[in-house]
């Protein structure tokens, strides 16, 4: 039983809750209300974000358009987005990046057949306009983003910014000599 409690005390959730209990003792009832309000606003923000993503995912495509497949990967210092765009050239793609979303748009044109009388028995490839919007939930550096198109896959690298909210910054103090200052 003691071993289970030791393991439980090492989890981040347990440590966060222990910190909150300690803060409640320090700040009193008014602080408790503020902590609960802060926690509630964070939950509402997460819920609203998830709802926005679900609405965008469920929006029907316009006639004559298609949506390319997208993979999003994350590591410690960047976000990588892979977009499958076979048969699309770089000049047919438009990328837009803001601090909240990545937009990939363009048009894939069908290849003109050299033969005049061609009957398609099966045609499963998609043509027409495409538009994908990917919500960005990380602190990113928009100006340092880069993209490359290779073998029909668009690879977008978006560097992350270390989140500095709540971090303490050291401010250097410059000492001036009292004798050198003009009076």
N, C-alpha and C. Protein backbone atom coordinates (compact mmCIF):
# COMPACT_ATOMS: atom_id res chain seq x y z
N UNK A 1 0.83 -1.20 0.00
CA UNK A 1 0.00 0.00 0.00
C UNK A 1 0.87 1.26 0.00
N UNK A 2 1.97 1.22 0.78
CA UNK A 2 2.86 2.38 0.84
C UNK A 2 3.49 2.64 -0.52
N UNK A 3 3.82 1.57 -1.25
CA UNK A 3 4.42 1.72 -2.57
C UNK A 3 3.45 2.39 -3.54
N UNK A 4 2.17 2.04 -3.46
CA UNK A 4 1.16 2.64 -4.33
C UNK A 4 1.07 4.14 -4.04
N UNK A 5 1.10 4.54 -2.78
CA UNK A 5 1.03 5.96 -2.43
C UNK A 5 2.27 6.71 -2.93
N UNK A 6 3.45 6.07 -2.86
CA UNK A 6 4.66 6.70 -3.38
C UNK A 6 4.54 6.96 -4.87
N UNK A 7 4.01 5.97 -5.60
CA UNK A 7 3.83 6.14 -7.05
C UNK A 7 2.82 7.25 -7.33
N UNK A 8 1.73 7.27 -6.58
CA UNK A 8 0.68 8.27 -6.80
C UNK A 8 1.22 9.67 -6.53
N UNK A 9 2.10 9.81 -5.54
CA UNK A 9 2.65 11.12 -5.22
C UNK A 9 3.59 11.64 -6.29
N UNK A 10 4.07 10.76 -7.17
CA UNK A 10 4.99 11.18 -8.21
C UNK A 10 4.26 11.62 -9.48
N UNK A 11 2.98 11.38 -9.60
CA UNK A 11 2.26 11.76 -10.82
C UNK A 11 2.06 13.27 -10.86
N UNK A 12 2.07 13.86 -12.06
CA UNK A 12 1.87 15.31 -12.18
C UNK A 12 0.51 15.76 -11.66
N UNK A 13 -0.53 14.93 -11.84
CA UNK A 13 -1.86 15.31 -11.37
C UNK A 13 -1.87 15.44 -9.86
N UNK A 14 -1.24 14.48 -9.19
CA UNK A 14 -1.20 14.51 -7.73
C UNK A 14 -0.42 15.73 -7.25
N UNK A 15 0.71 16.01 -7.90
CA UNK A 15 1.52 17.16 -7.51
C UNK A 15 0.77 18.47 -7.75
N UNK A 16 0.04 18.57 -8.86
CA UNK A 16 -0.74 19.76 -9.16
C UNK A 16 -1.83 19.96 -8.11
N UNK A 17 -2.52 18.89 -7.76
CA UNK A 17 -3.59 18.97 -6.76
C UNK A 17 -3.02 19.34 -5.40
N UNK A 18 -1.85 18.78 -5.04
CA UNK A 18 -1.22 19.12 -3.77
C UNK A 18 -0.84 20.59 -3.74
N UNK A 19 -0.36 21.11 -4.87
CA UNK A 19 -0.01 22.52 -4.96
C UNK A 19 -1.25 23.38 -4.79
N UNK A 20 -2.36 22.98 -5.45
CA UNK A 20 -3.61 23.74 -5.32
C UNK A 20 -4.11 23.75 -3.89
N UNK A 21 -4.02 22.63 -3.19
CA UNK A 21 -4.46 22.57 -1.79
C UNK A 21 -3.59 23.49 -0.93
N UNK A 22 -2.29 23.49 -1.20
CA UNK A 22 -1.39 24.38 -0.45
C UNK A 22 -1.73 25.84 -0.72
N UNK A 23 -2.04 26.16 -1.98
CA UNK A 23 -2.40 27.53 -2.34
C UNK A 23 -3.71 27.94 -1.67
N UNK A 24 -4.65 27.02 -1.56
CA UNK A 24 -5.93 27.33 -0.91
C UNK A 24 -5.69 27.71 0.54
N UNK A 25 -4.80 27.00 1.22
CA UNK A 25 -4.49 27.32 2.61
C UNK A 25 -3.89 28.72 2.71
N UNK A 26 -3.05 29.08 1.76
CA UNK A 26 -2.36 30.36 1.81
C UNK A 26 -3.28 31.52 1.47
N UNK A 27 -4.08 31.38 0.40
CA UNK A 27 -4.85 32.52 -0.10
C UNK A 27 -6.23 32.66 0.52
N UNK A 28 -6.76 31.66 1.14
CA UNK A 28 -8.06 31.77 1.79
C UNK A 28 -9.21 31.59 0.82
N UNK A 29 -10.41 31.95 1.27
CA UNK A 29 -11.62 31.67 0.48
C UNK A 29 -11.71 32.52 -0.78
N UNK A 30 -11.25 33.78 -0.74
CA UNK A 30 -11.32 34.64 -1.94
C UNK A 30 -10.41 34.07 -3.03
N UNK A 31 -9.24 33.57 -2.62
CA UNK A 31 -8.33 32.97 -3.58
C UNK A 31 -8.87 31.67 -4.14
N UNK A 32 -9.61 30.93 -3.33
CA UNK A 32 -10.23 29.69 -3.78
C UNK A 32 -11.21 29.97 -4.92
N UNK A 33 -11.98 31.02 -4.77
CA UNK A 33 -12.93 31.39 -5.83
C UNK A 33 -12.18 31.74 -7.12
N UNK A 34 -11.05 32.46 -6.98
CA UNK A 34 -10.26 32.82 -8.16
C UNK A 34 -9.67 31.58 -8.83
N UNK A 35 -9.18 30.63 -8.03
CA UNK A 35 -8.64 29.40 -8.60
C UNK A 35 -9.71 28.61 -9.34
N UNK A 36 -10.89 28.51 -8.76
CA UNK A 36 -11.99 27.80 -9.41
C UNK A 36 -12.42 28.50 -10.69
N UNK A 37 -12.46 29.82 -10.67
CA UNK A 37 -12.83 30.58 -11.86
C UNK A 37 -11.79 30.40 -12.96
N UNK A 38 -10.50 30.41 -12.58
CA UNK A 38 -9.44 30.20 -13.57
C UNK A 38 -9.55 28.81 -14.18
N UNK A 39 -9.77 27.80 -13.36
CA UNK A 39 -9.91 26.43 -13.83
C UNK A 39 -11.11 26.30 -14.77
N UNK A 40 -12.21 26.95 -14.43
CA UNK A 40 -13.41 26.90 -15.27
C UNK A 40 -13.16 27.56 -16.62
N UNK A 41 -12.49 28.72 -16.64
CA UNK A 41 -12.23 29.39 -17.92
C UNK A 41 -11.30 28.57 -18.80
N UNK A 42 -10.32 27.87 -18.20
CA UNK A 42 -9.44 27.00 -18.99
C UNK A 42 -10.23 25.84 -19.60
N UNK A 43 -11.14 25.26 -18.84
CA UNK A 43 -11.96 24.17 -19.38
C UNK A 43 -12.86 24.65 -20.52
N UNK A 44 -13.45 25.82 -20.36
CA UNK A 44 -14.32 26.37 -21.41
C UNK A 44 -13.50 26.65 -22.67
N UNK A 45 -12.29 27.18 -22.51
CA UNK A 45 -11.43 27.46 -23.66
C UNK A 45 -11.08 26.18 -24.41
N UNK A 46 -10.76 25.10 -23.67
CA UNK A 46 -10.46 23.82 -24.32
C UNK A 46 -11.69 23.28 -25.04
N UNK A 47 -12.85 23.40 -24.42
CA UNK A 47 -14.09 22.92 -25.04
C UNK A 47 -14.40 23.71 -26.31
N UNK A 48 -14.24 25.02 -26.26
CA UNK A 48 -14.51 25.86 -27.42
C UNK A 48 -13.55 25.53 -28.57
N UNK A 49 -12.28 25.29 -28.25
CA UNK A 49 -11.29 24.93 -29.26
C UNK A 49 -11.66 23.61 -29.92
N UNK A 50 -12.04 22.63 -29.13
CA UNK A 50 -12.44 21.33 -29.68
C UNK A 50 -13.69 21.46 -30.54
N UNK A 51 -14.62 22.31 -30.14
CA UNK A 51 -15.84 22.53 -30.92
C UNK A 51 -15.53 23.19 -32.26
N UNK A 52 -14.63 24.17 -32.27
CA UNK A 52 -14.23 24.82 -33.52
C UNK A 52 -13.63 23.82 -34.50
N UNK A 53 -12.74 22.95 -33.99
CA UNK A 53 -12.12 21.94 -34.85
C UNK A 53 -13.15 20.97 -35.41
N UNK A 54 -14.11 20.57 -34.59
CA UNK A 54 -15.15 19.64 -35.05
C UNK A 54 -16.01 20.28 -36.13
N UNK A 55 -16.34 21.54 -35.98
CA UNK A 55 -17.17 22.23 -36.99
C UNK A 55 -16.42 22.32 -38.31
N UNK A 56 -15.13 22.67 -38.25
CA UNK A 56 -14.35 22.75 -39.49
C UNK A 56 -14.22 21.39 -40.16
N UNK A 57 -14.09 20.34 -39.36
CA UNK A 57 -13.95 19.00 -39.93
C UNK A 57 -15.25 18.52 -40.56
N UNK A 58 -16.38 18.94 -40.03
CA UNK A 58 -17.68 18.50 -40.54
C UNK A 58 -18.24 19.37 -41.65
N UNK A 59 -17.59 20.49 -41.97
CA UNK A 59 -18.07 21.37 -43.02
C UNK A 59 -18.00 20.64 -44.35
N UNK A 60 -19.13 20.54 -45.07
CA UNK A 60 -19.11 19.81 -46.34
C UNK A 60 -18.28 20.55 -47.39
N UNK A 61 -17.67 19.78 -48.27
CA UNK A 61 -16.87 20.35 -49.35
C UNK A 61 -17.78 20.91 -50.43
N UNK A 62 -17.32 21.97 -51.07
CA UNK A 62 -18.06 22.55 -52.18
C UNK A 62 -17.96 21.62 -53.39
N UNK A 63 -18.90 21.77 -54.31
CA UNK A 63 -18.88 20.94 -55.51
C UNK A 63 -17.60 21.20 -56.30
N UNK A 64 -16.97 20.14 -56.77
CA UNK A 64 -15.75 20.27 -57.56
C UNK A 64 -14.51 20.50 -56.72
N UNK A 65 -14.59 20.27 -55.42
CA UNK A 65 -13.40 20.44 -54.58
C UNK A 65 -13.09 19.14 -53.85
N UNK A 66 -11.91 19.06 -53.32
CA UNK A 66 -11.48 17.88 -52.59
C UNK A 66 -10.57 18.31 -51.45
N UNK A 67 -10.30 17.42 -50.53
CA UNK A 67 -9.47 17.74 -49.37
C UNK A 67 -8.29 16.77 -49.32
N UNK A 68 -7.06 17.28 -49.44
CA UNK A 68 -5.90 16.39 -49.37
C UNK A 68 -5.70 15.84 -47.95
N UNK A 69 -5.09 14.68 -47.87
CA UNK A 69 -4.79 14.07 -46.57
C UNK A 69 -3.65 14.83 -45.89
N UNK A 70 -3.77 14.99 -44.57
CA UNK A 70 -2.78 15.75 -43.81
C UNK A 70 -2.35 14.95 -42.59
N UNK A 71 -1.03 14.96 -42.33
CA UNK A 71 -0.46 14.42 -41.10
C UNK A 71 0.19 15.56 -40.35
N UNK A 72 -0.03 15.62 -39.03
CA UNK A 72 0.59 16.65 -38.20
C UNK A 72 1.43 15.94 -37.14
N UNK A 73 2.71 16.29 -37.08
CA UNK A 73 3.63 15.70 -36.11
C UNK A 73 4.25 16.83 -35.29
N UNK A 74 4.59 16.50 -34.05
CA UNK A 74 5.17 17.50 -33.16
C UNK A 74 6.39 16.89 -32.47
N UNK A 75 7.44 17.70 -32.34
CA UNK A 75 8.55 17.33 -31.47
C UNK A 75 8.84 18.53 -30.58
N UNK A 76 9.92 18.50 -29.86
CA UNK A 76 10.19 19.53 -28.85
C UNK A 76 10.35 20.93 -29.43
N UNK A 77 10.87 21.04 -30.66
CA UNK A 77 11.16 22.36 -31.18
C UNK A 77 10.40 22.77 -32.44
N UNK A 78 9.59 21.88 -33.02
CA UNK A 78 8.85 22.29 -34.22
C UNK A 78 7.62 21.42 -34.45
N UNK A 79 6.76 21.92 -35.33
CA UNK A 79 5.59 21.21 -35.81
C UNK A 79 5.85 20.88 -37.28
N UNK A 80 5.58 19.64 -37.68
CA UNK A 80 5.73 19.23 -39.08
C UNK A 80 4.37 18.85 -39.61
N UNK A 81 4.01 19.43 -40.74
CA UNK A 81 2.73 19.12 -41.38
C UNK A 81 3.06 18.53 -42.75
N UNK A 82 2.53 17.34 -43.03
CA UNK A 82 2.70 16.70 -44.33
C UNK A 82 1.36 16.68 -45.03
N UNK A 83 1.34 17.16 -46.27
CA UNK A 83 0.11 17.22 -47.06
C UNK A 83 0.34 16.44 -48.34
N UNK A 84 -0.51 15.46 -48.60
CA UNK A 84 -0.39 14.67 -49.83
C UNK A 84 -1.03 15.44 -50.98
N UNK A 85 -0.20 15.82 -51.95
CA UNK A 85 -0.66 16.57 -53.11
C UNK A 85 -0.05 15.99 -54.39
N UNK A 86 -0.40 14.74 -54.74
CA UNK A 86 0.18 14.15 -55.95
C UNK A 86 -0.31 14.88 -57.20
N UNK A 87 0.62 15.13 -58.10
CA UNK A 87 0.26 15.78 -59.36
C UNK A 87 0.07 17.28 -59.27
N UNK A 88 0.40 17.89 -58.15
CA UNK A 88 0.26 19.33 -57.98
C UNK A 88 1.65 19.95 -57.93
N UNK A 89 1.85 21.02 -58.70
CA UNK A 89 3.13 21.73 -58.70
C UNK A 89 3.13 22.81 -57.62
N UNK A 90 4.31 23.25 -57.25
CA UNK A 90 4.45 24.25 -56.19
C UNK A 90 3.74 25.56 -56.54
N UNK A 91 3.73 25.93 -57.83
CA UNK A 91 3.07 27.18 -58.21
C UNK A 91 1.54 27.09 -58.17
N UNK A 92 0.99 25.89 -57.95
CA UNK A 92 -0.46 25.72 -57.85
C UNK A 92 -0.93 25.69 -56.39
N UNK A 93 0.00 25.88 -55.45
CA UNK A 93 -0.31 25.79 -54.02
C UNK A 93 -0.14 27.16 -53.38
N UNK A 94 -1.09 27.51 -52.51
CA UNK A 94 -1.00 28.74 -51.72
C UNK A 94 -1.00 28.36 -50.25
N UNK A 95 0.01 28.83 -49.52
CA UNK A 95 0.10 28.58 -48.09
C UNK A 95 -0.10 29.88 -47.34
N UNK A 96 -0.87 29.82 -46.27
CA UNK A 96 -1.06 30.96 -45.39
C UNK A 96 -0.93 30.50 -43.95
N UNK A 97 -0.14 31.21 -43.15
CA UNK A 97 0.08 30.83 -41.77
C UNK A 97 -0.10 32.03 -40.87
N UNK A 98 -0.94 31.87 -39.86
CA UNK A 98 -1.11 32.88 -38.81
C UNK A 98 -0.77 32.20 -37.49
N UNK A 99 -0.89 32.93 -36.42
CA UNK A 99 -0.59 32.34 -35.11
C UNK A 99 -1.67 31.35 -34.68
N UNK A 100 -2.81 31.32 -35.37
CA UNK A 100 -3.90 30.42 -34.98
C UNK A 100 -4.23 29.34 -36.00
N UNK A 101 -3.80 29.49 -37.26
CA UNK A 101 -4.16 28.49 -38.26
C UNK A 101 -3.19 28.45 -39.43
N UNK A 102 -3.16 27.28 -40.08
CA UNK A 102 -2.41 27.07 -41.31
C UNK A 102 -3.42 26.76 -42.41
N UNK A 103 -3.33 27.48 -43.52
CA UNK A 103 -4.25 27.25 -44.64
C UNK A 103 -3.45 26.78 -45.85
N UNK A 104 -3.88 25.63 -46.41
CA UNK A 104 -3.27 25.08 -47.62
C UNK A 104 -4.38 25.06 -48.67
N UNK A 105 -4.17 25.80 -49.76
CA UNK A 105 -5.19 25.91 -50.80
C UNK A 105 -4.53 25.82 -52.16
N UNK A 106 -5.33 25.54 -53.16
CA UNK A 106 -4.82 25.49 -54.52
C UNK A 106 -5.79 24.77 -55.44
N UNK A 107 -5.26 24.34 -56.59
CA UNK A 107 -6.10 23.64 -57.56
C UNK A 107 -5.27 22.59 -58.28
N UNK A 108 -5.83 21.40 -58.39
CA UNK A 108 -5.19 20.32 -59.14
C UNK A 108 -5.96 20.17 -60.45
N UNK A 109 -5.26 20.42 -61.55
CA UNK A 109 -5.91 20.38 -62.86
C UNK A 109 -5.73 19.00 -63.47
N UNK A 110 -6.77 18.51 -64.15
CA UNK A 110 -6.63 17.20 -64.80
C UNK A 110 -5.64 17.26 -65.96
N UNK A 111 -4.99 16.13 -66.20
CA UNK A 111 -4.02 16.04 -67.30
C UNK A 111 -4.79 15.89 -68.59
N UNK A 112 -4.45 16.71 -69.56
CA UNK A 112 -5.11 16.65 -70.87
C UNK A 112 -4.61 15.43 -71.63
N UNK A 113 -5.51 14.65 -72.11
CA UNK A 113 -5.15 13.45 -72.86
C UNK A 113 -4.77 13.82 -74.28
N UNK A 114 -3.72 13.20 -74.81
CA UNK A 114 -3.29 13.48 -76.18
C UNK A 114 -4.19 12.78 -77.19
N UNK A 115 -4.81 11.71 -76.76
CA UNK A 115 -5.71 10.98 -77.65
C UNK A 115 -7.09 11.63 -77.61
N UNK A 116 -7.72 11.71 -78.76
CA UNK A 116 -9.02 12.39 -78.83
C UNK A 116 -10.15 11.53 -78.30
N UNK A 117 -10.16 10.29 -78.62
CA UNK A 117 -11.25 9.40 -78.21
C UNK A 117 -10.78 8.52 -77.06
N UNK A 118 -10.95 9.01 -75.85
CA UNK A 118 -10.54 8.25 -74.68
C UNK A 118 -11.77 8.02 -73.81
N UNK A 119 -12.00 6.77 -73.49
CA UNK A 119 -13.08 6.42 -72.57
C UNK A 119 -12.46 5.97 -71.26
N UNK A 120 -12.83 6.64 -70.20
CA UNK A 120 -12.34 6.26 -68.88
C UNK A 120 -13.22 5.15 -68.33
N UNK A 121 -12.62 4.02 -68.01
CA UNK A 121 -13.36 2.92 -67.40
C UNK A 121 -13.49 3.14 -65.90
N UNK A 122 -12.47 3.78 -65.32
CA UNK A 122 -12.48 4.06 -63.88
C UNK A 122 -11.63 5.30 -63.66
N UNK A 123 -12.13 6.23 -62.87
CA UNK A 123 -11.37 7.44 -62.55
C UNK A 123 -11.59 7.75 -61.07
N UNK A 124 -10.58 7.46 -60.27
CA UNK A 124 -10.69 7.66 -58.82
C UNK A 124 -9.87 8.84 -58.32
N UNK A 125 -9.10 9.46 -59.17
CA UNK A 125 -8.27 10.60 -58.75
C UNK A 125 -9.13 11.84 -58.63
N UNK A 126 -8.77 12.68 -57.71
CA UNK A 126 -9.53 13.91 -57.46
C UNK A 126 -8.87 15.09 -58.18
N UNK A 127 -9.71 15.93 -58.73
CA UNK A 127 -9.26 17.15 -59.39
C UNK A 127 -10.12 18.30 -58.91
N UNK A 128 -9.61 19.49 -59.13
CA UNK A 128 -10.37 20.69 -58.75
C UNK A 128 -9.67 21.44 -57.62
N UNK A 129 -10.40 22.35 -57.05
CA UNK A 129 -9.86 23.19 -55.97
C UNK A 129 -9.81 22.41 -54.67
N UNK A 130 -8.81 22.74 -53.85
CA UNK A 130 -8.72 22.16 -52.52
C UNK A 130 -8.41 23.27 -51.52
N UNK A 131 -8.82 23.05 -50.30
CA UNK A 131 -8.61 24.02 -49.24
C UNK A 131 -8.66 23.29 -47.91
N UNK A 132 -7.59 23.35 -47.15
CA UNK A 132 -7.54 22.74 -45.82
C UNK A 132 -7.07 23.78 -44.83
N UNK A 133 -7.74 23.84 -43.71
CA UNK A 133 -7.36 24.74 -42.62
C UNK A 133 -7.02 23.88 -41.42
N UNK A 134 -5.83 24.07 -40.90
CA UNK A 134 -5.36 23.30 -39.75
C UNK A 134 -5.23 24.27 -38.57
N UNK A 135 -5.98 24.06 -37.49
CA UNK A 135 -5.83 24.94 -36.33
C UNK A 135 -4.46 24.75 -35.68
N UNK A 136 -3.86 25.84 -35.27
CA UNK A 136 -2.55 25.81 -34.62
C UNK A 136 -2.76 26.12 -33.14
N UNK A 137 -2.37 25.17 -32.29
CA UNK A 137 -2.58 25.34 -30.85
C UNK A 137 -1.29 25.60 -30.09
N UNK A 138 -0.21 25.79 -30.78
CA UNK A 138 1.09 25.96 -30.14
C UNK A 138 1.55 27.40 -30.31
N UNK A 139 2.51 27.81 -29.49
CA UNK A 139 3.16 29.10 -29.68
C UNK A 139 4.21 28.88 -30.77
N UNK A 140 4.02 29.50 -31.92
CA UNK A 140 4.89 29.25 -33.08
C UNK A 140 5.54 30.53 -33.56
N UNK A 141 6.61 30.36 -34.33
CA UNK A 141 7.29 31.47 -34.98
C UNK A 141 6.86 31.47 -36.45
N UNK A 142 5.95 32.35 -36.80
CA UNK A 142 5.36 32.38 -38.15
C UNK A 142 6.40 32.73 -39.20
N UNK A 143 7.28 33.68 -38.91
CA UNK A 143 8.22 34.17 -39.93
C UNK A 143 9.31 33.16 -40.28
N UNK A 144 9.57 32.18 -39.42
CA UNK A 144 10.63 31.20 -39.69
C UNK A 144 10.10 29.88 -40.26
N UNK A 145 8.83 29.83 -40.61
CA UNK A 145 8.26 28.61 -41.19
C UNK A 145 8.82 28.39 -42.59
N UNK A 146 8.94 27.11 -42.98
CA UNK A 146 9.46 26.77 -44.30
C UNK A 146 8.67 25.59 -44.86
N UNK A 147 8.60 25.52 -46.20
CA UNK A 147 7.87 24.43 -46.84
C UNK A 147 8.64 23.94 -48.06
N UNK A 148 8.50 22.63 -48.33
CA UNK A 148 9.11 22.05 -49.52
C UNK A 148 8.17 21.01 -50.10
N UNK A 149 8.15 20.92 -51.43
CA UNK A 149 7.32 19.95 -52.13
C UNK A 149 8.24 18.93 -52.78
N UNK A 150 8.08 17.66 -52.37
CA UNK A 150 8.94 16.62 -52.91
C UNK A 150 8.12 15.35 -53.08
N UNK A 151 8.14 14.80 -54.28
CA UNK A 151 7.44 13.55 -54.60
C UNK A 151 5.95 13.59 -54.24
N UNK A 152 5.32 14.72 -54.50
CA UNK A 152 3.88 14.83 -54.26
C UNK A 152 3.49 15.02 -52.81
N UNK A 153 4.47 15.26 -51.93
CA UNK A 153 4.18 15.50 -50.51
C UNK A 153 4.73 16.88 -50.15
N UNK A 154 3.84 17.73 -49.65
CA UNK A 154 4.24 19.05 -49.18
C UNK A 154 4.59 18.93 -47.71
N UNK A 155 5.82 19.29 -47.35
CA UNK A 155 6.29 19.20 -45.98
C UNK A 155 6.49 20.62 -45.45
N UNK A 156 5.76 20.95 -44.39
CA UNK A 156 5.82 22.29 -43.81
C UNK A 156 6.43 22.18 -42.42
N UNK A 157 7.49 22.94 -42.18
CA UNK A 157 8.16 22.98 -40.87
C UNK A 157 7.81 24.30 -40.20
N UNK A 158 7.22 24.22 -39.01
CA UNK A 158 6.85 25.42 -38.26
C UNK A 158 7.57 25.37 -36.91
N UNK A 159 8.56 26.24 -36.70
CA UNK A 159 9.28 26.22 -35.42
C UNK A 159 8.41 26.72 -34.27
N UNK A 160 8.58 26.08 -33.12
CA UNK A 160 7.85 26.49 -31.92
C UNK A 160 8.63 27.58 -31.19
N UNK A 161 7.89 28.35 -30.43
CA UNK A 161 8.49 29.33 -29.53
C UNK A 161 8.30 28.79 -28.12
N UNK A 162 9.35 28.83 -27.34
CA UNK A 162 9.22 28.37 -25.96
C UNK A 162 8.21 29.28 -25.27
N UNK A 163 7.20 28.67 -24.67
CA UNK A 163 6.15 29.43 -23.99
C UNK A 163 6.75 30.08 -22.75
N UNK A 164 6.69 31.40 -22.71
CA UNK A 164 7.35 32.11 -21.63
C UNK A 164 6.36 32.69 -20.62
N UNK A 165 5.10 32.31 -20.70
CA UNK A 165 4.13 32.82 -19.74
C UNK A 165 4.48 32.29 -18.35
N UNK A 166 4.54 33.18 -17.40
CA UNK A 166 4.82 32.78 -16.03
C UNK A 166 6.30 32.61 -15.74
N UNK A 167 7.14 32.73 -16.76
CA UNK A 167 8.58 32.56 -16.55
C UNK A 167 9.16 33.85 -15.98
N UNK A 168 10.18 33.71 -15.20
CA UNK A 168 10.82 34.87 -14.61
C UNK A 168 12.02 35.27 -15.47
N UNK A 169 12.09 36.53 -15.82
CA UNK A 169 13.19 37.04 -16.61
C UNK A 169 14.13 37.83 -15.70
N UNK A 170 15.41 37.64 -15.90
CA UNK A 170 16.39 38.42 -15.15
C UNK A 170 16.62 39.73 -15.87
N UNK A 171 16.56 40.79 -15.13
CA UNK A 171 16.76 42.12 -15.70
C UNK A 171 18.13 42.60 -15.23
N UNK A 172 19.01 42.87 -16.17
CA UNK A 172 20.35 43.32 -15.76
C UNK A 172 20.29 44.74 -15.19
N UNK A 173 21.08 44.96 -14.19
CA UNK A 173 21.15 46.27 -13.56
C UNK A 173 22.51 46.87 -13.89
N UNK A 174 22.47 48.03 -14.49
CA UNK A 174 23.72 48.71 -14.85
C UNK A 174 24.04 49.72 -13.77
N UNK A 175 25.19 49.56 -13.19
CA UNK A 175 25.60 50.47 -12.11
C UNK A 175 26.38 51.61 -12.70
N UNK A 176 25.97 52.80 -12.35
CA UNK A 176 26.70 53.98 -12.80
C UNK A 176 27.41 54.58 -11.60
N UNK A 177 28.54 55.16 -11.87
CA UNK A 177 29.32 55.77 -10.79
C UNK A 177 28.72 57.13 -10.47
N UNK A 178 28.50 57.40 -9.21
CA UNK A 178 27.88 58.66 -8.78
C UNK A 178 28.77 59.85 -9.10
N UNK A 179 30.09 59.65 -9.17
CA UNK A 179 31.02 60.76 -9.43
C UNK A 179 30.97 61.22 -10.88
N UNK A 180 30.63 60.31 -11.81
CA UNK A 180 30.65 60.62 -13.24
C UNK A 180 29.38 61.33 -13.70
N UNK A 181 28.31 61.26 -12.92
CA UNK A 181 27.05 61.86 -13.35
C UNK A 181 27.13 63.39 -13.23
N UNK A 182 26.67 64.08 -14.29
CA UNK A 182 26.65 65.55 -14.20
C UNK A 182 25.54 66.00 -13.25
N UNK A 183 25.79 67.03 -12.49
CA UNK A 183 24.77 67.51 -11.57
C UNK A 183 24.07 68.73 -12.09
